[in-house]
Amino acid sequence: MSSLTVAQISALTTTAIKNLSATDIASLSKTQTSALTVTEIGALSGTQLSALSTGQMTGLTTTQIGALRPDQISFSAAQLSVLVAAQVRAFGTDEIVALTTAQISGFTATEIGALTTTQLGALDTTQIAALTTTQIKGLTPLAIAALTTSQLGALTETQVAALTAPQVRNLTTTAIAALTLSQFGALTATQISMLSTTGIGGLTTTEIAALTTVQLGGLAALGSPR
């Protein structure tokens, strides 16, 4: 396979593609991998795609990634970890939904930050809860603001405590009100002090009553509770 030209790679029939072994797939160069047509990509099985090296993964074009089907999403965490932002954004929502928590664990904070709001919206509560604190920190403030109440409700206390100042400042009143008492209790005094005026206005009376002495200290940095 390695001796085939780009033109020859692009001319392979779907039958020929389906008959490629894992060894054949692994022998393709990055350039050859990039030359696979959308039809050829569609003919590959998830098992065949899982044979791609990380080097080959970086050669996948956004068009190729956009052509993938949910049943083809058999990539390992290591394979997914090398994708650049444009490649990550090329995944369709159905393919995002197909990702297991083990696969999602492979995404770097930069990759998580590259997800569009539409892609983030496709993540279910199990996938959200599985994000590491490093990945959570990778979400842009706008992405945090776009999370649904169900997704926010799925955040663990550890994840909530990992939110950065810009992320906390972008929590909407709806988001603040959606936090459970356990989640709200996980906010540090520093995070409380970073809440926007709008965010503070979203505190429920139950949340206000649940403020700890330490959290009240953070709230005092913004002025009196509203």
C-alpha atoms as a PDB file:
ATOM      1  CA  MET A   1       0.000   0.000   0.000  1.00  0.00           C
ATOM      2  CA  SER A   2       2.783   2.422   0.806  1.00  0.00           C
ATOM      3  CA  SER A   3       3.953   2.318  -2.825  1.00  0.00           C
ATOM      4  CA  LEU A   4       0.643   3.542  -4.229  1.00  0.00           C
ATOM      5  CA  THR A   5       0.420   7.112  -5.449  1.00  0.00           C
ATOM      6  CA  VAL A   6      -2.169   9.573  -4.164  1.00  0.00           C
ATOM      7  CA  ALA A   7      -4.087   9.169  -7.442  1.00  0.00           C
ATOM      8  CA  GLN A   8      -4.076   5.396  -7.076  1.00  0.00           C
ATOM      9  CA  ILE A   9      -5.257   5.624  -3.460  1.00  0.00           C
ATOM     10  CA  SER A  10      -8.145   7.850  -4.511  1.00  0.00           C
ATOM     11  CA  ALA A  11      -9.105   5.377  -7.242  1.00  0.00           C
ATOM     12  CA  LEU A  12      -9.537   2.343  -4.972  1.00  0.00           C
ATOM     13  CA  THR A  13     -12.991   0.799  -5.059  1.00  0.00           C
ATOM     14  CA  THR A  14     -15.108   0.466  -1.948  1.00  0.00           C
ATOM     15  CA  THR A  15     -14.654  -3.295  -2.163  1.00  0.00           C
ATOM     16  CA  ALA A  16     -10.885  -2.879  -2.144  1.00  0.00           C
ATOM     17  CA  ILE A  17     -11.141  -0.488   0.801  1.00  0.00           C
ATOM     18  CA  LYS A  18     -13.307  -2.870   2.802  1.00  0.00           C
ATOM     19  CA  ASN A  19     -10.773  -5.648   2.251  1.00  0.00           C
ATOM     20  CA  LEU A  20      -7.834  -3.674   3.637  1.00  0.00           C
ATOM     21  CA  SER A  21      -6.335  -5.262   6.731  1.00  0.00           C
ATOM     22  CA  ALA A  22      -5.244  -3.362   9.821  1.00  0.00           C
ATOM     23  CA  THR A  23      -1.662  -3.783   8.584  1.00  0.00           C
ATOM     24  CA  ASP A  24      -2.614  -2.279   5.230  1.00  0.00           C
ATOM     25  CA  ILE A  25      -4.273   0.688   6.929  1.00  0.00           C
ATOM     26  CA  ALA A  26      -1.300   1.240   9.212  1.00  0.00           C
ATOM     27  CA  SER A  27       1.088   1.232   6.234  1.00  0.00           C
ATOM     28  CA  LEU A  28      -0.573   4.254   4.615  1.00  0.00           C
ATOM     29  CA  SER A  29       1.385   7.472   4.826  1.00  0.00           C
ATOM     30  CA  LYS A  30      -0.191  10.646   6.190  1.00  0.00           C
ATOM     31  CA  THR A  31      -0.419  11.960   2.621  1.00  0.00           C
ATOM     32  CA  GLN A  32      -2.094   8.786   1.410  1.00  0.00           C
ATOM     33  CA  THR A  33      -4.550   8.890   4.294  1.00  0.00           C
ATOM     34  CA  SER A  34      -5.482  12.454   3.395  1.00  0.00           C
ATOM     35  CA  ALA A  35      -6.101  11.328  -0.191  1.00  0.00           C
ATOM     36  CA  LEU A  36      -8.901   8.919   0.708  1.00  0.00           C
ATOM     37  CA  THR A  37     -12.154  10.128  -0.787  1.00  0.00           C
ATOM     38  CA  VAL A  38     -15.350  10.623   1.187  1.00  0.00           C
ATOM     39  CA  THR A  39     -16.715   7.456  -0.415  1.00  0.00           C
ATOM     40  CA  GLU A  40     -13.605   5.514   0.604  1.00  0.00           C
ATOM     41  CA  ILE A  41     -13.781   6.881   4.150  1.00  0.00           C
ATOM     42  CA  GLY A  42     -17.397   5.770   4.274  1.00  0.00           C
ATOM     43  CA  ALA A  43     -16.372   2.245   3.275  1.00  0.00           C
ATOM     44  CA  LEU A  44     -13.986   1.869   6.202  1.00  0.00           C
ATOM     45  CA  SER A  45     -15.206   0.053   9.279  1.00  0.00           C
ATOM     46  CA  GLY A  46     -14.711   1.271  12.810  1.00  0.00           C
ATOM     47  CA  THR A  47     -12.160  -1.502  13.288  1.00  0.00           C
ATOM     48  CA  GLN A  48     -10.167  -0.334  10.287  1.00  0.00           C
ATOM     49  CA  LEU A  49     -10.257   3.274  11.452  1.00  0.00           C
ATOM     50  CA  SER A  50      -9.022   2.237  14.881  1.00  0.00           C
ATOM     51  CA  ALA A  51      -5.853   0.996  13.150  1.00  0.00           C
ATOM     52  CA  LEU A  52      -4.855   4.514  12.112  1.00  0.00           C
ATOM     53  CA  SER A  53      -1.763   5.817  13.856  1.00  0.00           C
ATOM     54  CA  THR A  54      -1.782   9.181  15.603  1.00  0.00           C
ATOM     55  CA  GLY A  55       0.284  10.511  12.698  1.00  0.00           C
ATOM     56  CA  GLN A  56      -2.351   9.377  10.235  1.00  0.00           C
ATOM     57  CA  MET A  57      -5.080  10.896  12.413  1.00  0.00           C
ATOM     58  CA  THR A  58      -3.494  14.319  12.062  1.00  0.00           C
ATOM     59  CA  GLY A  59      -3.710  13.872   8.304  1.00  0.00           C
ATOM     60  CA  LEU A  60      -7.479  13.399   8.224  1.00  0.00           C
ATOM     61  CA  THR A  61      -9.164  16.338   6.537  1.00  0.00           C
ATOM     62  CA  THR A  62     -12.221  18.082   7.953  1.00  0.00           C
ATOM     63  CA  THR A  63     -14.197  16.783   4.975  1.00  0.00           C
ATOM     64  CA  GLN A  64     -13.185  13.222   5.783  1.00  0.00           C
ATOM     65  CA  ILE A  65     -14.078  13.618   9.460  1.00  0.00           C
ATOM     66  CA  GLY A  66     -17.375  15.232   8.551  1.00  0.00           C
ATOM     67  CA  ALA A  67     -18.219  12.178   6.453  1.00  0.00           C
ATOM     68  CA  LEU A  68     -17.873   9.737   9.351  1.00  0.00           C
ATOM     69  CA  ARG A  69     -20.912   7.897  10.679  1.00  0.00           C
ATOM     70  CA  PRO A  70     -21.648   7.070  14.332  1.00  0.00           C
ATOM     71  CA  ASP A  71     -20.902   3.373  13.750  1.00  0.00           C
ATOM     72  CA  GLN A  72     -17.393   4.299  12.612  1.00  0.00           C
ATOM     73  CA  ILE A  73     -16.474   6.140  15.806  1.00  0.00           C
ATOM     74  CA  SER A  74     -14.156   3.495  17.242  1.00  0.00           C
ATOM     75  CA  PHE A  75     -11.155   5.742  17.747  1.00  0.00           C
ATOM     76  CA  SER A  76      -9.071   5.323  20.855  1.00  0.00           C
ATOM     77  CA  ALA A  77      -8.498   8.130  23.343  1.00  0.00           C
ATOM     78  CA  ALA A  78      -4.907   8.355  22.074  1.00  0.00           C
ATOM     79  CA  GLN A  79      -6.081   8.794  18.483  1.00  0.00           C
ATOM     80  CA  LEU A  80      -8.514  11.538  19.434  1.00  0.00           C
ATOM     81  CA  SER A  81      -5.942  13.368  21.554  1.00  0.00           C
ATOM     82  CA  VAL A  82      -3.897  14.495  18.531  1.00  0.00           C
ATOM     83  CA  LEU A  83      -6.657  16.223  16.580  1.00  0.00           C
ATOM     84  CA  VAL A  84      -6.463  19.957  15.982  1.00  0.00           C
ATOM     85  CA  ALA A  85      -9.324  22.377  16.566  1.00  0.00           C
ATOM     86  CA  ALA A  86     -10.606  22.342  12.974  1.00  0.00           C
ATOM     87  CA  GLN A  87     -10.747  18.542  12.974  1.00  0.00           C
ATOM     88  CA  VAL A  88     -12.643  18.456  16.277  1.00  0.00           C
ATOM     89  CA  ARG A  89     -15.190  20.947  14.980  1.00  0.00           C
ATOM     90  CA  ALA A  90     -15.720  18.774  11.896  1.00  0.00           C
ATOM     91  CA  PHE A  91     -17.448  15.996  13.866  1.00  0.00           C
ATOM     92  CA  GLY A  92     -21.210  15.943  13.445  1.00  0.00           C
ATOM     93  CA  THR A  93     -23.467  15.940  16.481  1.00  0.00           C
ATOM     94  CA  ASP A  94     -24.424  12.301  15.885  1.00  0.00           C
ATOM     95  CA  GLU A  95     -20.749  11.371  16.023  1.00  0.00           C
ATOM     96  CA  ILE A  96     -20.263  13.425  19.200  1.00  0.00           C
ATOM     97  CA  VAL A  97     -23.146  11.559  20.800  1.00  0.00           C
ATOM     98  CA  ALA A  98     -21.515   8.266  19.772  1.00  0.00           C
ATOM     99  CA  LEU A  99     -18.348   9.010  21.730  1.00  0.00           C
ATOM    100  CA  THR A 100     -17.914   6.981  24.899  1.00  0.00           C
ATOM    101  CA  THR A 101     -16.655   8.560  28.100  1.00  0.00           C
ATOM    102  CA  ALA A 102     -13.378   6.674  27.588  1.00  0.00           C
ATOM    103  CA  GLN A 103     -12.973   8.251  24.172  1.00  0.00           C
ATOM    104  CA  ILE A 104     -13.872  11.724  25.428  1.00  0.00           C
ATOM    105  CA  SER A 105     -11.171  11.371  28.074  1.00  0.00           C
ATOM    106  CA  GLY A 106      -8.646  11.546  25.233  1.00  0.00           C
ATOM    107  CA  PHE A 107      -9.571  15.090  24.266  1.00  0.00           C
ATOM    108  CA  THR A 108      -7.165  17.710  25.519  1.00  0.00           C
ATOM    109  CA  ALA A 109      -8.392  20.917  27.126  1.00  0.00           C
ATOM    110  CA  THR A 110      -7.652  22.694  23.839  1.00  0.00           C
ATOM    111  CA  GLU A 111      -9.780  20.207  21.918  1.00  0.00           C
ATOM    112  CA  ILE A 112     -12.629  20.549  24.394  1.00  0.00           C
ATOM    113  CA  GLY A 113     -12.379  24.300  23.997  1.00  0.00           C
ATOM    114  CA  ALA A 114     -12.662  23.874  20.224  1.00  0.00           C
ATOM    115  CA  LEU A 115     -16.075  22.216  20.414  1.00  0.00           C
ATOM    116  CA  THR A 116     -18.859  24.363  19.008  1.00  0.00           C
ATOM    117  CA  THR A 117     -21.871  25.201  21.148  1.00  0.00           C
ATOM    118  CA  THR A 118     -23.892  22.853  18.934  1.00  0.00           C
ATOM    119  CA  GLN A 119     -21.464  20.004  19.592  1.00  0.00           C
ATOM    120  CA  LEU A 120     -21.447  20.760  23.322  1.00  0.00           C
ATOM    121  CA  GLY A 121     -25.207  20.768  23.315  1.00  0.00           C
ATOM    122  CA  ALA A 122     -25.126  17.227  21.930  1.00  0.00           C
ATOM    123  CA  LEU A 123     -23.164  15.887  24.916  1.00  0.00           C
ATOM    124  CA  ASP A 124     -25.391  13.969  27.295  1.00  0.00           C
ATOM    125  CA  THR A 125     -25.203  14.259  31.068  1.00  0.00           C
ATOM    126  CA  THR A 126     -23.017  11.156  31.386  1.00  0.00           C
ATOM    127  CA  GLN A 127     -20.474  12.588  28.968  1.00  0.00           C
ATOM    128  CA  ILE A 128     -20.520  15.958  30.757  1.00  0.00           C
ATOM    129  CA  ALA A 129     -19.995  14.352  34.166  1.00  0.00           C
ATOM    130  CA  ALA A 130     -17.022  12.406  32.798  1.00  0.00           C
ATOM    131  CA  LEU A 131     -15.045  15.504  31.783  1.00  0.00           C
ATOM    132  CA  THR A 132     -11.899  15.958  33.811  1.00  0.00           C
ATOM    133  CA  THR A 133     -11.239  19.185  35.678  1.00  0.00           C
ATOM    134  CA  THR A 134      -8.554  20.000  33.101  1.00  0.00           C
ATOM    135  CA  GLN A 135     -11.082  19.551  30.299  1.00  0.00           C
ATOM    136  CA  ILE A 136     -13.645  21.652  32.180  1.00  0.00           C
ATOM    137  CA  LYS A 137     -11.121  24.486  32.388  1.00  0.00           C
ATOM    138  CA  GLY A 138     -10.724  24.210  28.610  1.00  0.00           C
ATOM    139  CA  LEU A 139     -14.334  25.228  27.972  1.00  0.00           C
ATOM    140  CA  THR A 140     -14.638  28.818  26.838  1.00  0.00           C
ATOM    141  CA  PRO A 141     -16.723  31.188  28.971  1.00  0.00           C
ATOM    142  CA  LEU A 142     -19.276  31.348  26.144  1.00  0.00           C
ATOM    143  CA  ALA A 143     -19.433  27.561  26.086  1.00  0.00           C
ATOM    144  CA  ILE A 144     -20.137  27.505  29.819  1.00  0.00           C
ATOM    145  CA  ALA A 145     -22.920  30.024  29.309  1.00  0.00           C
ATOM    146  CA  ALA A 146     -24.405  27.816  26.577  1.00  0.00           C
ATOM    147  CA  LEU A 147     -24.671  24.675  28.729  1.00  0.00           C
ATOM    148  CA  THR A 148     -28.224  23.542  29.317  1.00  0.00           C
ATOM    149  CA  THR A 149     -29.660  23.273  32.806  1.00  0.00           C
ATOM    150  CA  SER A 150     -29.518  19.478  32.480  1.00  0.00           C
ATOM    151  CA  GLN A 151     -25.849  19.613  31.558  1.00  0.00           C
ATOM    152  CA  LEU A 152     -25.108  22.021  34.411  1.00  0.00           C
ATOM    153  CA  GLY A 153     -26.941  19.730  36.768  1.00  0.00           C
ATOM    154  CA  ALA A 154     -24.673  16.875  35.688  1.00  0.00           C
ATOM    155  CA  LEU A 155     -21.491  18.670  36.780  1.00  0.00           C
ATOM    156  CA  THR A 156     -19.846  17.106  39.785  1.00  0.00           C
ATOM    157  CA  GLU A 157     -18.821  19.184  42.783  1.00  0.00           C
ATOM    158  CA  THR A 158     -15.195  18.694  41.750  1.00  0.00           C
ATOM    159  CA  GLN A 159     -15.946  20.038  38.278  1.00  0.00           C
ATOM    160  CA  VAL A 160     -17.805  23.038  39.696  1.00  0.00           C
ATOM    161  CA  ALA A 161     -14.890  23.856  41.987  1.00  0.00           C
ATOM    162  CA  ALA A 162     -12.587  23.784  38.944  1.00  0.00           C
ATOM    163  CA  LEU A 163     -14.429  26.517  37.039  1.00  0.00           C
ATOM    164  CA  THR A 164     -12.178  29.449  36.219  1.00  0.00           C
ATOM    165  CA  ALA A 165     -12.928  33.102  36.981  1.00  0.00           C
ATOM    166  CA  PRO A 166     -13.969  33.934  33.378  1.00  0.00           C
ATOM    167  CA  GLN A 167     -16.218  30.869  33.319  1.00  0.00           C
ATOM    168  CA  VAL A 168     -17.889  31.803  36.601  1.00  0.00           C
ATOM    169  CA  ARG A 169     -18.424  35.375  35.403  1.00  0.00           C
ATOM    170  CA  ASN A 170     -20.317  34.012  32.397  1.00  0.00           C
ATOM    171  CA  LEU A 171     -22.767  31.921  34.405  1.00  0.00           C
ATOM    172  CA  THR A 172     -26.236  33.217  33.628  1.00  0.00           C
ATOM    173  CA  THR A 173     -28.958  33.753  36.191  1.00  0.00           C
ATOM    174  CA  THR A 174     -30.627  30.608  34.875  1.00  0.00           C
ATOM    175  CA  ALA A 175     -27.386  28.678  35.304  1.00  0.00           C
ATOM    176  CA  ILE A 176     -26.886  29.941  38.853  1.00  0.00           C
ATOM    177  CA  ALA A 177     -30.443  29.068  39.790  1.00  0.00           C
ATOM    178  CA  ALA A 178     -30.032  25.611  38.242  1.00  0.00           C
ATOM    179  CA  LEU A 179     -27.143  24.644  40.509  1.00  0.00           C
ATOM    180  CA  THR A 180     -27.997  22.172  43.209  1.00  0.00           C
ATOM    181  CA  LEU A 181     -27.130  23.060  46.782  1.00  0.00           C
ATOM    182  CA  SER A 182     -24.283  20.539  46.654  1.00  0.00           C
ATOM    183  CA  GLN A 183     -22.895  22.157  43.515  1.00  0.00           C
ATOM    184  CA  PHE A 184     -23.366  25.650  44.924  1.00  0.00           C
ATOM    185  CA  GLY A 185     -21.623  24.576  48.106  1.00  0.00           C
ATOM    186  CA  ALA A 186     -18.619  23.499  46.026  1.00  0.00           C
ATOM    187  CA  LEU A 187     -17.997  27.055  44.808  1.00  0.00           C
ATOM    188  CA  THR A 188     -15.005  28.608  46.517  1.00  0.00           C
ATOM    189  CA  ALA A 189     -14.994  32.086  48.024  1.00  0.00           C
ATOM    190  CA  THR A 190     -12.839  33.213  45.098  1.00  0.00           C
ATOM    191  CA  GLN A 191     -15.372  31.874  42.609  1.00  0.00           C
ATOM    192  CA  ILE A 192     -18.229  33.518  44.502  1.00  0.00           C
ATOM    193  CA  SER A 193     -16.376  36.826  44.324  1.00  0.00           C
ATOM    194  CA  MET A 194     -16.132  36.441  40.535  1.00  0.00           C
ATOM    195  CA  LEU A 195     -19.872  36.177  39.960  1.00  0.00           C
ATOM    196  CA  SER A 196     -21.203  38.971  37.806  1.00  0.00           C
ATOM    197  CA  THR A 197     -23.844  41.360  39.093  1.00  0.00           C
ATOM    198  CA  THR A 198     -26.322  39.513  36.896  1.00  0.00           C
ATOM    199  CA  GLY A 199     -25.118  36.200  38.271  1.00  0.00           C
ATOM    200  CA  ILE A 200     -25.554  37.367  41.850  1.00  0.00           C
ATOM    201  CA  GLY A 201     -29.096  38.383  40.978  1.00  0.00           C
ATOM    202  CA  GLY A 202     -29.762  34.800  39.991  1.00  0.00           C
ATOM    203  CA  LEU A 203     -29.073  33.413  43.459  1.00  0.00           C
ATOM    204  CA  THR A 204     -32.146  31.805  44.910  1.00  0.00           C
ATOM    205  CA  THR A 205     -33.185  32.410  48.478  1.00  0.00           C
ATOM    206  CA  THR A 206     -32.272  28.783  49.204  1.00  0.00           C
ATOM    207  CA  GLU A 207     -28.770  29.331  47.816  1.00  0.00           C
ATOM    208  CA  ILE A 208     -28.381  32.548  49.792  1.00  0.00           C
ATOM    209  CA  ALA A 209     -29.392  30.723  52.962  1.00  0.00           C
ATOM    210  CA  ALA A 210     -26.909  27.949  52.225  1.00  0.00           C
ATOM    211  CA  LEU A 211     -23.904  30.253  51.871  1.00  0.00           C
ATOM    212  CA  THR A 212     -21.088  29.251  54.175  1.00  0.00           C
ATOM    213  CA  THR A 213     -19.114  31.771  56.195  1.00  0.00           C
ATOM    214  CA  VAL A 214     -16.234  31.383  53.756  1.00  0.00           C
ATOM    215  CA  GLN A 215     -18.505  31.900  50.744  1.00  0.00           C
ATOM    216  CA  LEU A 216     -20.057  34.947  52.375  1.00  0.00           C
ATOM    217  CA  GLY A 217     -16.558  36.359  52.535  1.00  0.00           C
ATOM    218  CA  GLY A 218     -16.337  36.016  48.774  1.00  0.00           C
ATOM    219  CA  LEU A 219     -19.730  37.592  48.321  1.00  0.00           C
ATOM    220  CA  ALA A 220     -18.686  40.506  50.531  1.00  0.00           C
ATOM    221  CA  ALA A 221     -16.009  41.338  47.982  1.00  0.00           C
ATOM    222  CA  LEU A 222     -18.826  42.261  45.610  1.00  0.00           C
ATOM    223  CA  GLY A 223     -20.888  44.118  48.145  1.00  0.00           C
ATOM    224  CA  SER A 224     -23.898  43.129  50.191  1.00  0.00           C
ATOM    225  CA  PRO A 225     -25.943  40.095  49.179  1.00  0.00           C
ATOM    226  CA  ARG A 226     -28.863  41.011  46.913  1.00  0.00           C
END
